[in-house]
């Protein structure tokens, strides 16, 4: 761990949060994907991801931050699409940190 650059630790943590959130948004592959849909859990994971990306962005460089923001935005949109009653703009998961996602 001592040899691993901080940007790698941060991006690895972000990828884990993204993967878990994608599964909870019902985006897993295979016929059982919808069985894992859990929007309450997805909301928590996306919120945590938004916090990590927002806090780390100034320190990890634009290239890494842009990729993480793109992944976060995709998850926020997937969450909105999976919701029967979508949150009002600006109140979806992580949007208090990222602003409204459209």
PDB file of N, CA and C in Angstrom:
ATOM      1  N   UNK A   1       0.811  -1.186   0.000  1.00  0.00           N
ATOM      2  CA  UNK A   1       0.000   0.000   0.000  1.00  0.00           C
ATOM      3  C   UNK A   1       0.862   1.261   0.000  1.00  0.00           C
ATOM      4  N   UNK A   2       2.011   1.175   0.611  1.00  0.00           N
ATOM      5  CA  UNK A   2       2.878   2.340   0.721  1.00  0.00           C
ATOM      6  C   UNK A   2       3.337   2.850  -0.633  1.00  0.00           C
ATOM      7  N   UNK A   3       3.393   1.984  -1.620  1.00  0.00           N
ATOM      8  CA  UNK A   3       3.880   2.361  -2.948  1.00  0.00           C
ATOM      9  C   UNK A   3       2.760   2.829  -3.885  1.00  0.00           C
ATOM     10  N   UNK A   4       1.521   2.678  -3.467  1.00  0.00           N
ATOM     11  CA  UNK A   4       0.388   2.998  -4.334  1.00  0.00           C
ATOM     12  C   UNK A   4       0.090   4.495  -4.260  1.00  0.00           C
ATOM     13  N   UNK A   5       0.070   5.180  -5.407  1.00  0.00           N
ATOM     14  CA  UNK A   5      -0.251   6.610  -5.412  1.00  0.00           C
ATOM     15  C   UNK A   5      -1.698   6.860  -4.947  1.00  0.00           C
ATOM     16  N   UNK A   6      -1.890   7.986  -4.309  1.00  0.00           N
ATOM     17  CA  UNK A   6      -3.214   8.322  -3.773  1.00  0.00           C
ATOM     18  C   UNK A   6      -4.288   8.322  -4.851  1.00  0.00           C
ATOM     19  N   UNK A   7      -3.968   8.776  -6.053  1.00  0.00           N
ATOM     20  CA  UNK A   7      -4.968   8.814  -7.115  1.00  0.00           C
ATOM     21  C   UNK A   7      -5.479   7.407  -7.430  1.00  0.00           C
ATOM     22  N   UNK A   8      -4.616   6.414  -7.337  1.00  0.00           N
ATOM     23  CA  UNK A   8      -5.049   5.037  -7.586  1.00  0.00           C
ATOM     24  C   UNK A   8      -5.953   4.525  -6.479  1.00  0.00           C
ATOM     25  N   UNK A   9      -5.645   4.859  -5.244  1.00  0.00           N
ATOM     26  CA  UNK A   9      -6.488   4.447  -4.121  1.00  0.00           C
ATOM     27  C   UNK A   9      -7.863   5.091  -4.255  1.00  0.00           C
ATOM     28  N   UNK A  10      -7.896   6.368  -4.579  1.00  0.00           N
ATOM     29  CA  UNK A  10      -9.166   7.091  -4.714  1.00  0.00           C
ATOM     30  C   UNK A  10      -9.982   6.546  -5.873  1.00  0.00           C
ATOM     31  N   UNK A  11      -9.365   6.354  -7.017  1.00  0.00           N
ATOM     32  CA  UNK A  11     -10.126   5.853  -8.169  1.00  0.00           C
ATOM     33  C   UNK A  11     -10.597   4.421  -7.943  1.00  0.00           C
ATOM     34  N   UNK A  12      -9.806   3.611  -7.265  1.00  0.00           N
ATOM     35  CA  UNK A  12     -10.232   2.243  -6.956  1.00  0.00           C
ATOM     36  C   UNK A  12     -11.451   2.259  -6.041  1.00  0.00           C
ATOM     37  N   UNK A  13     -11.422   3.101  -5.017  1.00  0.00           N
ATOM     38  CA  UNK A  13     -12.578   3.210  -4.119  1.00  0.00           C
ATOM     39  C   UNK A  13     -13.806   3.691  -4.896  1.00  0.00           C
ATOM     40  N   UNK A  14     -13.605   4.650  -5.784  1.00  0.00           N
ATOM     41  CA  UNK A  14     -14.716   5.173  -6.584  1.00  0.00           C
ATOM     42  C   UNK A  14     -15.288   4.094  -7.499  1.00  0.00           C
ATOM     43  N   UNK A  15     -14.437   3.303  -8.098  1.00  0.00           N
ATOM     44  CA  UNK A  15     -14.914   2.230  -8.980  1.00  0.00           C
ATOM     45  C   UNK A  15     -15.721   1.199  -8.194  1.00  0.00           C
ATOM     46  N   UNK A  16     -15.302   0.895  -6.982  1.00  0.00           N
ATOM     47  CA  UNK A  16     -16.071  -0.034  -6.143  1.00  0.00           C
ATOM     48  C   UNK A  16     -17.454   0.543  -5.826  1.00  0.00           C
ATOM     49  N   UNK A  17     -17.498   1.825  -5.487  1.00  0.00           N
ATOM     50  CA  UNK A  17     -18.787   2.462  -5.215  1.00  0.00           C
ATOM     51  C   UNK A  17     -19.655   2.480  -6.472  1.00  0.00           C
ATOM     52  N   UNK A  18     -19.043   2.780  -7.618  1.00  0.00           N
ATOM     53  CA  UNK A  18     -19.792   2.793  -8.880  1.00  0.00           C
ATOM     54  C   UNK A  18     -20.355   1.421  -9.205  1.00  0.00           C
ATOM     55  N   UNK A  19     -19.551   0.404  -9.054  1.00  0.00           N
ATOM     56  CA  UNK A  19     -19.995  -0.954  -9.371  1.00  0.00           C
ATOM     57  C   UNK A  19     -21.150  -1.378  -8.472  1.00  0.00           C
ATOM     58  N   UNK A  20     -21.014  -1.119  -7.187  1.00  0.00           N
ATOM     59  CA  UNK A  20     -22.076  -1.482  -6.252  1.00  0.00           C
ATOM     60  C   UNK A  20     -23.354  -0.699  -6.556  1.00  0.00           C
ATOM     61  N   UNK A  21     -23.218   0.586  -6.839  1.00  0.00           N
ATOM     62  CA  UNK A  21     -24.393   1.412  -7.155  1.00  0.00           C
ATOM     63  C   UNK A  21     -25.059   0.946  -8.442  1.00  0.00           C
ATOM     64  N   UNK A  22     -24.272   0.567  -9.429  1.00  0.00           N
ATOM     65  CA  UNK A  22     -24.836   0.083 -10.694  1.00  0.00           C
ATOM     66  C   UNK A  22     -25.677  -1.170 -10.456  1.00  0.00           C
ATOM     67  N   UNK A  23     -25.168  -2.082  -9.650  1.00  0.00           N
ATOM     68  CA  UNK A  23     -25.924  -3.305  -9.335  1.00  0.00           C
ATOM     69  C   UNK A  23     -27.222  -2.936  -8.630  1.00  0.00           C
ATOM     70  N   UNK A  24     -27.156  -2.029  -7.668  1.00  0.00           N
ATOM     71  CA  UNK A  24     -28.345  -1.639  -6.904  1.00  0.00           C
ATOM     72  C   UNK A  24     -29.337  -0.838  -7.747  1.00  0.00           C
ATOM     73  N   UNK A  25     -28.872  -0.242  -8.852  1.00  0.00           N
ATOM     74  CA  UNK A  25     -29.769   0.461  -9.785  1.00  0.00           C
ATOM     75  C   UNK A  25     -30.379  -0.508 -10.804  1.00  0.00           C
ATOM     76  N   UNK A  26     -30.030  -1.797 -10.696  1.00  0.00           N
ATOM     77  CA  UNK A  26     -30.561  -2.794 -11.612  1.00  0.00           C
ATOM     78  C   UNK A  26     -29.792  -2.906 -12.908  1.00  0.00           C
ATOM     79  N   UNK A  27     -28.552  -2.421 -12.930  1.00  0.00           N
ATOM     80  CA  UNK A  27     -27.759  -2.411 -14.155  1.00  0.00           C
ATOM     81  C   UNK A  27     -26.824  -3.607 -14.281  1.00  0.00           C
ATOM     82  N   UNK A  28     -26.913  -4.554 -13.367  1.00  0.00           N
ATOM     83  CA  UNK A  28     -26.066  -5.746 -13.466  1.00  0.00           C
ATOM     84  C   UNK A  28     -26.454  -6.523 -14.709  1.00  0.00           C
ATOM     85  N   UNK A  29     -25.532  -7.313 -15.199  1.00  0.00           N
ATOM     86  CA  UNK A  29     -25.812  -8.117 -16.386  1.00  0.00           C
ATOM     87  C   UNK A  29     -26.462  -9.431 -15.974  1.00  0.00           C
ATOM     88  N   UNK A  30     -27.208  -9.977 -16.893  1.00  0.00           N
ATOM     89  CA  UNK A  30     -27.813 -11.275 -16.668  1.00  0.00           C
ATOM     90  C   UNK A  30     -29.283 -11.185 -16.337  1.00  0.00           C
ATOM     91  N   UNK A  31     -29.938 -12.323 -16.359  1.00  0.00           N
ATOM     92  CA  UNK A  31     -31.387 -12.359 -16.152  1.00  0.00           C
ATOM     93  C   UNK A  31     -31.819 -11.997 -14.729  1.00  0.00           C
ATOM     94  N   UNK A  32     -30.891 -12.037 -13.787  1.00  0.00           N
ATOM     95  CA  UNK A  32     -31.242 -11.755 -12.397  1.00  0.00           C
ATOM     96  C   UNK A  32     -30.960 -10.316 -11.991  1.00  0.00           C
ATOM     97  N   UNK A  33     -30.614  -9.475 -12.936  1.00  0.00           N
ATOM     98  CA  UNK A  33     -30.209  -8.099 -12.629  1.00  0.00           C
ATOM     99  C   UNK A  33     -31.289  -7.354 -11.851  1.00  0.00           C
ATOM    100  N   UNK A  34     -32.528  -7.489 -12.247  1.00  0.00           N
ATOM    101  CA  UNK A  34     -33.614  -6.755 -11.581  1.00  0.00           C
ATOM    102  C   UNK A  34     -33.832  -7.220 -10.145  1.00  0.00           C
ATOM    103  N   UNK A  35     -33.382  -8.430  -9.837  1.00  0.00           N
ATOM    104  CA  UNK A  35     -33.523  -8.933  -8.465  1.00  0.00           C
ATOM    105  C   UNK A  35     -32.664  -8.146  -7.488  1.00  0.00           C
ATOM    106  N   UNK A  36     -31.624  -7.523  -7.982  1.00  0.00           N
ATOM    107  CA  UNK A  36     -30.703  -6.782  -7.124  1.00  0.00           C
ATOM    108  C   UNK A  36     -31.069  -5.302  -7.014  1.00  0.00           C
ATOM    109  N   UNK A  37     -32.116  -4.891  -7.695  1.00  0.00           N
ATOM    110  CA  UNK A  37     -32.553  -3.499  -7.653  1.00  0.00           C
ATOM    111  C   UNK A  37     -32.910  -3.113  -6.215  1.00  0.00           C
ATOM    112  N   UNK A  38     -32.251  -2.102  -5.711  1.00  0.00           N
ATOM    113  CA  UNK A  38     -32.501  -1.605  -4.359  1.00  0.00           C
ATOM    114  C   UNK A  38     -32.130  -0.121  -4.362  1.00  0.00           C
ATOM    115  N   UNK A  39     -33.122   0.713  -4.657  1.00  0.00           N
ATOM    116  CA  UNK A  39     -32.843   2.138  -4.830  1.00  0.00           C
ATOM    117  C   UNK A  39     -32.451   2.835  -3.531  1.00  0.00           C
ATOM    118  N   UNK A  40     -32.909   2.323  -2.396  1.00  0.00           N
ATOM    119  CA  UNK A  40     -32.485   2.920  -1.124  1.00  0.00           C
ATOM    120  C   UNK A  40     -30.980   2.730  -0.930  1.00  0.00           C
ATOM    121  N   UNK A  41     -30.497   1.546  -1.234  1.00  0.00           N
ATOM    122  CA  UNK A  41     -29.058   1.281  -1.148  1.00  0.00           C
ATOM    123  C   UNK A  41     -28.293   2.059  -2.215  1.00  0.00           C
ATOM    124  N   UNK A  42     -28.849   2.113  -3.418  1.00  0.00           N
ATOM    125  CA  UNK A  42     -28.203   2.856  -4.506  1.00  0.00           C
ATOM    126  C   UNK A  42     -28.052   4.324  -4.134  1.00  0.00           C
ATOM    127  N   UNK A  43     -29.067   4.895  -3.499  1.00  0.00           N
ATOM    128  CA  UNK A  43     -29.014   6.305  -3.088  1.00  0.00           C
ATOM    129  C   UNK A  43     -27.826   6.553  -2.156  1.00  0.00           C
ATOM    130  N   UNK A  44     -27.619   5.675  -1.203  1.00  0.00           N
ATOM    131  CA  UNK A  44     -26.512   5.820  -0.257  1.00  0.00           C
ATOM    132  C   UNK A  44     -25.169   5.718  -0.977  1.00  0.00           C
ATOM    133  N   UNK A  45     -25.042   4.724  -1.840  1.00  0.00           N
ATOM    134  CA  UNK A  45     -23.787   4.524  -2.571  1.00  0.00           C
ATOM    135  C   UNK A  45     -23.474   5.684  -3.509  1.00  0.00           C
ATOM    136  N   UNK A  46     -24.480   6.183  -4.205  1.00  0.00           N
ATOM    137  CA  UNK A  46     -24.271   7.310  -5.123  1.00  0.00           C
ATOM    138  C   UNK A  46     -23.931   8.572  -4.339  1.00  0.00           C
ATOM    139  N   UNK A  47     -24.569   8.766  -3.199  1.00  0.00           N
ATOM    140  CA  UNK A  47     -24.241   9.909  -2.354  1.00  0.00           C
ATOM    141  C   UNK A  47     -22.804   9.863  -1.861  1.00  0.00           C
ATOM    142  N   UNK A  48     -22.359   8.666  -1.464  1.00  0.00           N
ATOM    143  CA  UNK A  48     -20.974   8.502  -1.015  1.00  0.00           C
ATOM    144  C   UNK A  48     -19.997   8.754  -2.163  1.00  0.00           C
ATOM    145  N   UNK A  49     -20.347   8.255  -3.343  1.00  0.00           N
ATOM    146  CA  UNK A  49     -19.511   8.484  -4.520  1.00  0.00           C
ATOM    147  C   UNK A  49     -19.428   9.968  -4.840  1.00  0.00           C
ATOM    148  N   UNK A  50     -20.543  10.661  -4.783  1.00  0.00           N
ATOM    149  CA  UNK A  50     -20.556  12.103  -5.058  1.00  0.00           C
ATOM    150  C   UNK A  50     -19.656  12.846  -4.070  1.00  0.00           C
ATOM    151  N   UNK A  51     -19.702  12.444  -2.805  1.00  0.00           N
ATOM    152  CA  UNK A  51     -18.846  13.076  -1.802  1.00  0.00           C
ATOM    153  C   UNK A  51     -17.373  12.832  -2.077  1.00  0.00           C
ATOM    154  N   UNK A  52     -17.041  11.597  -2.426  1.00  0.00           N
ATOM    155  CA  UNK A  52     -15.648  11.260  -2.721  1.00  0.00           C
ATOM    156  C   UNK A  52     -15.148  12.014  -3.947  1.00  0.00           C
ATOM    157  N   UNK A  53     -15.931  12.008  -5.004  1.00  0.00           N
ATOM    158  CA  UNK A  53     -15.521  12.678  -6.247  1.00  0.00           C
ATOM    159  C   UNK A  53     -15.384  14.182  -6.027  1.00  0.00           C
ATOM    160  N   UNK A  54     -16.335  14.770  -5.346  1.00  0.00           N
ATOM    161  CA  UNK A  54     -16.304  16.214  -5.097  1.00  0.00           C
ATOM    162  C   UNK A  54     -15.093  16.602  -4.245  1.00  0.00           C
ATOM    163  N   UNK A  55     -14.837  15.818  -3.214  1.00  0.00           N
ATOM    164  CA  UNK A  55     -13.720  16.137  -2.319  1.00  0.00           C
ATOM    165  C   UNK A  55     -12.363  15.894  -2.989  1.00  0.00           C
ATOM    166  N   UNK A  56     -12.270  14.846  -3.792  1.00  0.00           N
ATOM    167  CA  UNK A  56     -10.976  14.469  -4.369  1.00  0.00           C
ATOM    168  C   UNK A  56     -10.637  15.196  -5.663  1.00  0.00           C
ATOM    169  N   UNK A  57     -11.631  15.689  -6.366  1.00  0.00           N
ATOM    170  CA  UNK A  57     -11.417  16.270  -7.698  1.00  0.00           C
ATOM    171  C   UNK A  57     -10.276  17.285  -7.767  1.00  0.00           C
ATOM    172  N   UNK A  58     -10.178  18.223  -6.849  1.00  0.00           N
ATOM    173  CA  UNK A  58      -9.091  19.201  -6.963  1.00  0.00           C
ATOM    174  C   UNK A  58      -7.688  18.590  -6.858  1.00  0.00           C
ATOM    175  N   UNK A  59      -7.584  17.430  -6.244  1.00  0.00           N
ATOM    176  CA  UNK A  59      -6.275  16.825  -5.997  1.00  0.00           C
ATOM    177  C   UNK A  59      -5.884  15.719  -6.961  1.00  0.00           C
ATOM    178  N   UNK A  60      -6.842  15.160  -7.701  1.00  0.00           N
ATOM    179  CA  UNK A  60      -6.507  14.001  -8.543  1.00  0.00           C
ATOM    180  C   UNK A  60      -6.300  14.348 -10.009  1.00  0.00           C
ATOM    181  N   UNK A  61      -6.514  15.575 -10.367  1.00  0.00           N
ATOM    182  CA  UNK A  61      -6.286  15.985 -11.753  1.00  0.00           C
ATOM    183  C   UNK A  61      -7.546  15.871 -12.594  1.00  0.00           C
ATOM    184  N   UNK A  62      -7.614  16.707 -13.596  1.00  0.00           N
ATOM    185  CA  UNK A  62      -8.808  16.818 -14.432  1.00  0.00           C
ATOM    186  C   UNK A  62      -9.157  15.522 -15.162  1.00  0.00           C
ATOM    187  N   UNK A  63      -8.156  14.820 -15.671  1.00  0.00           N
ATOM    188  CA  UNK A  63      -8.420  13.593 -16.426  1.00  0.00           C
ATOM    189  C   UNK A  63      -9.129  12.554 -15.557  1.00  0.00           C
ATOM    190  N   UNK A  64      -8.637  12.328 -14.355  1.00  0.00           N
ATOM    191  CA  UNK A  64      -9.250  11.358 -13.456  1.00  0.00           C
ATOM    192  C   UNK A  64     -10.597  11.864 -12.958  1.00  0.00           C
ATOM    193  N   UNK A  65     -10.646  13.123 -12.580  1.00  0.00           N
ATOM    194  CA  UNK A  65     -11.888  13.683 -12.049  1.00  0.00           C
ATOM    195  C   UNK A  65     -12.990  13.658 -13.096  1.00  0.00           C
ATOM    196  N   UNK A  66     -12.669  13.963 -14.341  1.00  0.00           N
ATOM    197  CA  UNK A  66     -13.672  13.963 -15.410  1.00  0.00           C
ATOM    198  C   UNK A  66     -14.279  12.570 -15.588  1.00  0.00           C
ATOM    199  N   UNK A  67     -13.430  11.558 -15.592  1.00  0.00           N
ATOM    200  CA  UNK A  67     -13.918  10.185 -15.747  1.00  0.00           C
ATOM    201  C   UNK A  67     -14.826   9.789 -14.581  1.00  0.00           C
ATOM    202  N   UNK A  68     -14.451  10.174 -13.377  1.00  0.00           N
ATOM    203  CA  UNK A  68     -15.276   9.857 -12.218  1.00  0.00           C
ATOM    204  C   UNK A  68     -16.594  10.620 -12.249  1.00  0.00           C
ATOM    205  N   UNK A  69     -16.540  11.889 -12.645  1.00  0.00           N
ATOM    206  CA  UNK A  69     -17.778  12.678 -12.748  1.00  0.00           C
ATOM    207  C   UNK A  69     -18.722  12.090 -13.800  1.00  0.00           C
ATOM    208  N   UNK A  70     -18.160  11.638 -14.914  1.00  0.00           N
ATOM    209  CA  UNK A  70     -18.986  11.023 -15.962  1.00  0.00           C
ATOM    210  C   UNK A  70     -19.673   9.764 -15.443  1.00  0.00           C
ATOM    211  N   UNK A  71     -18.927   8.935 -14.733  1.00  0.00           N
ATOM    212  CA  UNK A  71     -19.515   7.724 -14.159  1.00  0.00           C
ATOM    213  C   UNK A  71     -20.576   8.051 -13.137  1.00  0.00           C
ATOM    214  N   UNK A  72     -20.310   9.034 -12.305  1.00  0.00           N
ATOM    215  CA  UNK A  72     -21.281   9.467 -11.298  1.00  0.00           C
ATOM    216  C   UNK A  72     -22.551   9.964 -11.965  1.00  0.00           C
ATOM    217  N   UNK A  73     -22.405  10.800 -12.960  1.00  0.00           N
ATOM    218  CA  UNK A  73     -23.578  11.344 -13.666  1.00  0.00           C
ATOM    219  C   UNK A  73     -24.402  10.212 -14.296  1.00  0.00           C
ATOM    220  N   UNK A  74     -23.741   9.248 -14.884  1.00  0.00           N
ATOM    221  CA  UNK A  74     -24.440   8.112 -15.487  1.00  0.00           C
ATOM    222  C   UNK A  74     -25.251   7.350 -14.438  1.00  0.00           C
ATOM    223  N   UNK A  75     -24.682   7.176 -13.266  1.00  0.00           N
ATOM    224  CA  UNK A  75     -25.405   6.489 -12.199  1.00  0.00           C
ATOM    225  C   UNK A  75     -26.577   7.322 -11.695  1.00  0.00           C
ATOM    226  N   UNK A  76     -26.373   8.621 -11.586  1.00  0.00           N
ATOM    227  CA  UNK A  76     -27.472   9.484 -11.149  1.00  0.00           C
ATOM    228  C   UNK A  76     -28.632   9.415 -12.146  1.00  0.00           C
ATOM    229  N   UNK A  77     -28.308   9.400 -13.426  1.00  0.00           N
ATOM    230  CA  UNK A  77     -29.352   9.298 -14.447  1.00  0.00           C
ATOM    231  C   UNK A  77     -30.019   7.924 -14.424  1.00  0.00           C
ATOM    232  N   UNK A  78     -29.241   6.879 -14.212  1.00  0.00           N
ATOM    233  CA  UNK A  78     -29.803   5.522 -14.129  1.00  0.00           C
ATOM    234  C   UNK A  78     -30.731   5.407 -12.924  1.00  0.00           C
ATOM    235  N   UNK A  79     -30.338   6.020 -11.824  1.00  0.00           N
ATOM    236  CA  UNK A  79     -31.181   6.023 -10.629  1.00  0.00           C
ATOM    237  C   UNK A  79     -32.508   6.715 -10.935  1.00  0.00           C
ATOM    238  N   UNK A  80     -32.426   7.872 -11.568  1.00  0.00           N
ATOM    239  CA  UNK A  80     -33.639   8.623 -11.905  1.00  0.00           C
ATOM    240  C   UNK A  80     -34.543   7.789 -12.814  1.00  0.00           C
ATOM    241  N   UNK A  81     -33.951   7.116 -13.782  1.00  0.00           N
ATOM    242  CA  UNK A  81     -34.715   6.295 -14.719  1.00  0.00           C
ATOM    243  C   UNK A  81     -35.357   5.089 -14.029  1.00  0.00           C
ATOM    244  N   UNK A  82     -34.674   4.521 -13.046  1.00  0.00           N
ATOM    245  CA  UNK A  82     -35.186   3.347 -12.343  1.00  0.00           C
ATOM    246  C   UNK A  82     -36.258   3.707 -11.319  1.00  0.00           C
ATOM    247  N   UNK A  83     -36.324   4.970 -10.928  1.00  0.00           N
ATOM    248  CA  UNK A  83     -37.284   5.400  -9.913  1.00  0.00           C
ATOM    249  C   UNK A  83     -38.685   5.501 -10.487  1.00  0.00           C
ATOM    250  N   UNK A  84     -39.636   4.954  -9.766  1.00  0.00           N
ATOM    251  CA  UNK A  84     -41.034   5.049 -10.173  1.00  0.00           C
ATOM    252  C   UNK A  84     -41.490   6.504 -10.065  1.00  0.00           C
ATOM    253  N   UNK A  85     -41.089   7.155  -8.976  1.00  0.00           N
ATOM    254  CA  UNK A  85     -41.380   8.569  -8.770  1.00  0.00           C
ATOM    255  C   UNK A  85     -40.035   9.283  -8.622  1.00  0.00           C
ATOM    256  N   UNK A  86     -39.534   9.879  -9.710  1.00  0.00           N
ATOM    257  CA  UNK A  86     -38.208  10.521  -9.652  1.00  0.00           C
ATOM    258  C   UNK A  86     -38.164  11.678  -8.654  1.00  0.00           C
ATOM    259  N   UNK A  87     -36.998  11.867  -8.078  1.00  0.00           N
ATOM    260  CA  UNK A  87     -36.783  12.995  -7.175  1.00  0.00           C
ATOM    261  C   UNK A  87     -36.879  14.294  -7.963  1.00  0.00           C
ATOM    262  N   UNK A  88     -37.295  15.372  -7.308  1.00  0.00           N
ATOM    263  CA  UNK A  88     -37.249  16.671  -7.983  1.00  0.00           C
ATOM    264  C   UNK A  88     -35.807  17.017  -8.348  1.00  0.00           C
ATOM    265  N   UNK A  89     -35.614  17.821  -9.397  1.00  0.00           N
ATOM    266  CA  UNK A  89     -34.252  18.220  -9.776  1.00  0.00           C
ATOM    267  C   UNK A  89     -33.496  18.806  -8.583  1.00  0.00           C
ATOM    268  N   UNK A  90     -32.273  18.344  -8.415  1.00  0.00           N
ATOM    269  CA  UNK A  90     -31.438  18.811  -7.321  1.00  0.00           C
ATOM    270  C   UNK A  90     -31.583  18.017  -6.040  1.00  0.00           C
ATOM    271  N   UNK A  91     -32.541  17.076  -5.987  1.00  0.00           N
ATOM    272  CA  UNK A  91     -32.757  16.305  -4.766  1.00  0.00           C
ATOM    273  C   UNK A  91     -32.469  14.817  -4.941  1.00  0.00           C
ATOM    274  N   UNK A  92     -31.951  14.439  -6.099  1.00  0.00           N
ATOM    275  CA  UNK A  92     -31.574  13.048  -6.322  1.00  0.00           C
ATOM    276  C   UNK A  92     -30.299  12.727  -5.563  1.00  0.00           C
ATOM    277  N   UNK A  93     -29.892  11.466  -5.586  1.00  0.00           N
ATOM    278  CA  UNK A  93     -28.693  11.088  -4.834  1.00  0.00           C
ATOM    279  C   UNK A  93     -27.444  11.831  -5.312  1.00  0.00           C
ATOM    280  N   UNK A  94     -26.783  12.462  -4.357  1.00  0.00           N
ATOM    281  CA  UNK A  94     -25.542  13.182  -4.642  1.00  0.00           C
ATOM    282  C   UNK A  94     -25.721  14.551  -5.264  1.00  0.00           C
ATOM    283  N   UNK A  95     -26.954  14.914  -5.621  1.00  0.00           N
ATOM    284  CA  UNK A  95     -27.160  16.176  -6.333  1.00  0.00           C
ATOM    285  C   UNK A  95     -26.939  17.410  -5.468  1.00  0.00           C
ATOM    286  N   UNK A  96     -26.992  17.268  -4.169  1.00  0.00           N
ATOM    287  CA  UNK A  96     -26.678  18.441  -3.324  1.00  0.00           C
ATOM    288  C   UNK A  96     -25.198  18.805  -3.462  1.00  0.00           C
ATOM    289  N   UNK A  97     -24.403  17.826  -3.900  1.00  0.00           N
ATOM    290  CA  UNK A  97     -22.970  18.070  -4.123  1.00  0.00           C
ATOM    291  C   UNK A  97     -22.636  18.375  -5.575  1.00  0.00           C
ATOM    292  N   UNK A  98     -23.393  17.791  -6.504  1.00  0.00           N
ATOM    293  CA  UNK A  98     -23.073  17.927  -7.919  1.00  0.00           C
ATOM    294  C   UNK A  98     -23.960  18.917  -8.657  1.00  0.00           C
ATOM    295  N   UNK A  99     -25.062  19.282  -8.051  1.00  0.00           N
ATOM    296  CA  UNK A  99     -26.066  20.075  -8.733  1.00  0.00           C
ATOM    297  C   UNK A  99     -27.035  19.153  -9.454  1.00  0.00           C
ATOM    298  N   UNK A 100     -28.137  19.706  -9.956  1.00  0.00           N
ATOM    299  CA  UNK A 100     -29.149  18.897 -10.631  1.00  0.00           C
ATOM    300  C   UNK A 100     -28.582  18.156 -11.842  1.00  0.00           C
ATOM    301  N   UNK A 101     -29.035  16.930 -12.014  1.00  0.00           N
ATOM    302  CA  UNK A 101     -28.611  16.108 -13.147  1.00  0.00           C
ATOM    303  C   UNK A 101     -29.792  15.973 -14.082  1.00  0.00           C
ATOM    304  N   UNK A 102     -29.552  16.261 -15.351  1.00  0.00           N
ATOM    305  CA  UNK A 102     -30.628  16.158 -16.347  1.00  0.00           C
ATOM    306  C   UNK A 102     -30.210  15.226 -17.435  1.00  0.00           C
TER     307      UNK A 102
END
